[in-house]
Amino acid sequence: MTGPHRLSVSGMDCGRCERAAVAGLKAVPGVAKVSAHAPTGRITLTCDSAMDDGALREALARAGFTVLRRV
């Protein structure tokens, strides 16, 4: 996974949620750029190198969100 990639997530309802999702993903080594949009529940990210989806899902779960699918 390098990007840009888009994920649909549940539980992201406000600006504070956006910031938590972005911070959680930026803490994953290799994630270069992240943006989140609460009204649509979408996250767009770019990675420096190939990335395991599991690491991204785990980071979002720790921040309180569930990945529904890649879009």
N, C-alpha and C. Protein backbone atom coordinates (compact mmCIF):
# COMPACT_ATOMS: atom_id res chain seq x y z
N MET A 1 0.85 -1.17 0.00
CA MET A 1 0.00 0.00 0.00
C MET A 1 0.89 1.23 0.00
N THR A 2 0.80 2.08 -1.00
CA THR A 2 1.53 3.34 -1.00
C THR A 2 0.55 4.50 -1.06
N GLY A 3 -0.29 4.57 -2.02
CA GLY A 3 -1.35 5.55 -1.97
C GLY A 3 -1.42 6.46 -3.17
N PRO A 4 -2.37 7.36 -3.16
CA PRO A 4 -3.29 7.57 -2.04
C PRO A 4 -4.33 6.45 -1.94
N HIS A 5 -4.74 6.16 -0.73
CA HIS A 5 -5.75 5.14 -0.45
C HIS A 5 -6.85 5.78 0.36
N ARG A 6 -8.04 5.26 0.19
CA ARG A 6 -9.19 5.78 0.91
C ARG A 6 -9.85 4.67 1.71
N LEU A 7 -10.17 4.99 2.97
CA LEU A 7 -10.83 4.05 3.85
C LEU A 7 -12.15 4.64 4.33
N SER A 8 -13.15 3.80 4.46
CA SER A 8 -14.41 4.19 5.07
C SER A 8 -14.39 3.66 6.49
N VAL A 9 -14.66 4.53 7.48
CA VAL A 9 -14.61 4.13 8.88
C VAL A 9 -15.90 4.49 9.59
N SER A 10 -16.20 3.76 10.64
CA SER A 10 -17.35 4.10 11.47
C SER A 10 -16.85 4.70 12.78
N GLY A 11 -17.69 5.56 13.37
CA GLY A 11 -17.36 6.15 14.65
C GLY A 11 -16.72 7.52 14.57
N MET A 12 -16.46 8.01 13.37
CA MET A 12 -15.83 9.32 13.21
C MET A 12 -16.92 10.34 12.93
N ASP A 13 -17.30 11.11 13.96
CA ASP A 13 -18.48 11.96 13.87
C ASP A 13 -18.21 13.46 13.94
N CYS A 14 -16.99 13.87 14.29
CA CYS A 14 -16.76 15.31 14.51
C CYS A 14 -15.29 15.65 14.24
N GLY A 15 -14.98 16.92 14.38
CA GLY A 15 -13.60 17.38 14.17
C GLY A 15 -12.62 16.74 15.14
N ARG A 16 -13.04 16.54 16.36
CA ARG A 16 -12.16 15.89 17.34
C ARG A 16 -11.86 14.46 16.90
N CYS A 17 -12.86 13.78 16.36
CA CYS A 17 -12.67 12.43 15.84
C CYS A 17 -11.69 12.43 14.67
N GLU A 18 -11.83 13.42 13.79
CA GLU A 18 -10.90 13.54 12.66
C GLU A 18 -9.47 13.64 13.17
N ARG A 19 -9.25 14.50 14.14
CA ARG A 19 -7.90 14.70 14.67
C ARG A 19 -7.37 13.44 15.33
N ALA A 20 -8.23 12.71 16.04
CA ALA A 20 -7.80 11.46 16.69
C ALA A 20 -7.42 10.41 15.64
N ALA A 21 -8.21 10.31 14.58
CA ALA A 21 -7.91 9.34 13.51
C ALA A 21 -6.60 9.69 12.82
N VAL A 22 -6.41 10.96 12.51
CA VAL A 22 -5.18 11.40 11.84
C VAL A 22 -3.97 11.15 12.74
N ALA A 23 -4.08 11.51 14.01
CA ALA A 23 -2.96 11.30 14.93
C ALA A 23 -2.63 9.82 15.08
N GLY A 24 -3.66 8.98 15.17
CA GLY A 24 -3.43 7.54 15.30
C GLY A 24 -2.72 6.97 14.09
N LEU A 25 -3.11 7.40 12.91
CA LEU A 25 -2.47 6.88 11.70
C LEU A 25 -1.08 7.45 11.48
N LYS A 26 -0.88 8.71 11.84
CA LYS A 26 0.46 9.29 11.68
C LYS A 26 1.48 8.63 12.59
N ALA A 27 1.01 7.99 13.65
CA ALA A 27 1.92 7.28 14.56
C ALA A 27 2.41 5.96 13.98
N VAL A 28 1.80 5.51 12.89
CA VAL A 28 2.21 4.25 12.25
C VAL A 28 3.43 4.54 11.37
N PRO A 29 4.55 3.86 11.60
CA PRO A 29 5.73 4.08 10.77
C PRO A 29 5.42 3.85 9.29
N GLY A 30 5.83 4.79 8.46
CA GLY A 30 5.63 4.67 7.02
C GLY A 30 4.45 5.47 6.50
N VAL A 31 3.56 5.93 7.37
CA VAL A 31 2.44 6.74 6.92
C VAL A 31 2.97 8.16 6.70
N ALA A 32 2.80 8.66 5.47
CA ALA A 32 3.36 9.95 5.10
C ALA A 32 2.36 11.09 5.21
N LYS A 33 1.12 10.84 4.81
CA LYS A 33 0.12 11.91 4.76
C LYS A 33 -1.24 11.31 5.07
N VAL A 34 -2.03 12.02 5.87
CA VAL A 34 -3.36 11.54 6.25
C VAL A 34 -4.32 12.72 6.29
N SER A 35 -5.52 12.52 5.78
CA SER A 35 -6.58 13.49 5.98
C SER A 35 -7.85 12.71 6.29
N ALA A 36 -8.73 13.32 7.09
CA ALA A 36 -9.97 12.68 7.50
C ALA A 36 -11.13 13.64 7.30
N HIS A 37 -12.30 13.09 6.96
CA HIS A 37 -13.49 13.90 6.73
C HIS A 37 -14.65 13.23 7.45
N ALA A 38 -15.01 13.77 8.62
CA ALA A 38 -16.02 13.17 9.48
C ALA A 38 -17.40 13.04 8.81
N PRO A 39 -17.89 14.06 8.09
CA PRO A 39 -19.23 13.93 7.52
C PRO A 39 -19.40 12.71 6.60
N THR A 40 -18.34 12.32 5.91
CA THR A 40 -18.43 11.16 5.02
C THR A 40 -17.84 9.90 5.64
N GLY A 41 -17.12 10.04 6.76
CA GLY A 41 -16.48 8.89 7.38
C GLY A 41 -15.33 8.35 6.55
N ARG A 42 -14.68 9.22 5.79
CA ARG A 42 -13.60 8.80 4.89
C ARG A 42 -12.25 9.31 5.36
N ILE A 43 -11.25 8.45 5.17
CA ILE A 43 -9.87 8.80 5.46
C ILE A 43 -9.06 8.56 4.19
N THR A 44 -8.22 9.51 3.85
CA THR A 44 -7.32 9.37 2.70
C THR A 44 -5.90 9.39 3.24
N LEU A 45 -5.08 8.43 2.80
CA LEU A 45 -3.71 8.38 3.29
C LEU A 45 -2.74 7.93 2.21
N THR A 46 -1.51 8.35 2.40
CA THR A 46 -0.40 7.97 1.53
C THR A 46 0.71 7.44 2.42
N CYS A 47 1.34 6.37 1.97
CA CYS A 47 2.43 5.76 2.74
C CYS A 47 3.72 5.86 1.96
N ASP A 48 4.83 5.89 2.70
CA ASP A 48 6.15 5.96 2.07
C ASP A 48 6.52 4.67 1.36
N SER A 49 5.99 3.55 1.84
CA SER A 49 6.31 2.24 1.26
C SER A 49 5.11 1.33 1.43
N ALA A 50 5.24 0.12 0.96
CA ALA A 50 4.15 -0.84 1.11
C ALA A 50 3.79 -0.99 2.58
N MET A 51 2.50 -1.04 2.87
CA MET A 51 2.03 -1.07 4.25
C MET A 51 0.99 -2.16 4.41
N ASP A 52 1.05 -2.82 5.52
CA ASP A 52 0.08 -3.85 5.86
C ASP A 52 -1.21 -3.18 6.34
N ASP A 53 -2.34 -3.56 5.75
CA ASP A 53 -3.63 -3.02 6.18
C ASP A 53 -3.87 -3.26 7.67
N GLY A 54 -3.36 -4.35 8.19
CA GLY A 54 -3.57 -4.69 9.60
C GLY A 54 -3.03 -3.62 10.54
N ALA A 55 -1.89 -3.03 10.22
CA ALA A 55 -1.31 -1.99 11.06
C ALA A 55 -2.19 -0.75 11.06
N LEU A 56 -2.78 -0.43 9.92
CA LEU A 56 -3.66 0.73 9.83
C LEU A 56 -4.96 0.48 10.59
N ARG A 57 -5.53 -0.71 10.42
CA ARG A 57 -6.76 -1.07 11.13
C ARG A 57 -6.54 -1.05 12.65
N GLU A 58 -5.40 -1.56 13.08
CA GLU A 58 -5.08 -1.59 14.51
C GLU A 58 -4.95 -0.18 15.07
N ALA A 59 -4.28 0.71 14.34
CA ALA A 59 -4.11 2.09 14.79
C ALA A 59 -5.46 2.78 14.90
N LEU A 60 -6.34 2.55 13.94
CA LEU A 60 -7.66 3.17 13.99
C LEU A 60 -8.50 2.57 15.11
N ALA A 61 -8.37 1.28 15.35
CA ALA A 61 -9.11 0.64 16.45
C ALA A 61 -8.68 1.22 17.79
N ARG A 62 -7.37 1.44 17.97
CA ARG A 62 -6.87 2.04 19.21
C ARG A 62 -7.43 3.46 19.40
N ALA A 63 -7.68 4.15 18.29
CA ALA A 63 -8.23 5.51 18.36
C ALA A 63 -9.76 5.49 18.50
N GLY A 64 -10.37 4.30 18.42
CA GLY A 64 -11.81 4.18 18.63
C GLY A 64 -12.66 4.04 17.39
N PHE A 65 -12.03 3.69 16.26
CA PHE A 65 -12.75 3.61 14.99
C PHE A 65 -12.65 2.21 14.39
N THR A 66 -13.59 1.90 13.52
CA THR A 66 -13.60 0.61 12.83
C THR A 66 -13.53 0.85 11.33
N VAL A 67 -12.59 0.19 10.66
CA VAL A 67 -12.51 0.29 9.20
C VAL A 67 -13.61 -0.57 8.61
N LEU A 68 -14.46 0.03 7.80
CA LEU A 68 -15.54 -0.70 7.16
C LEU A 68 -15.08 -1.34 5.85
N ARG A 69 -14.35 -0.56 5.07
CA ARG A 69 -13.86 -1.05 3.78
C ARG A 69 -12.90 -0.03 3.16
N ARG A 70 -12.20 -0.48 2.13
CA ARG A 70 -11.41 0.43 1.30
C ARG A 70 -12.33 0.95 0.22
N VAL A 71 -12.20 2.20 -0.09
CA VAL A 71 -13.08 2.80 -1.14
C VAL A 71 -12.24 3.40 -2.25
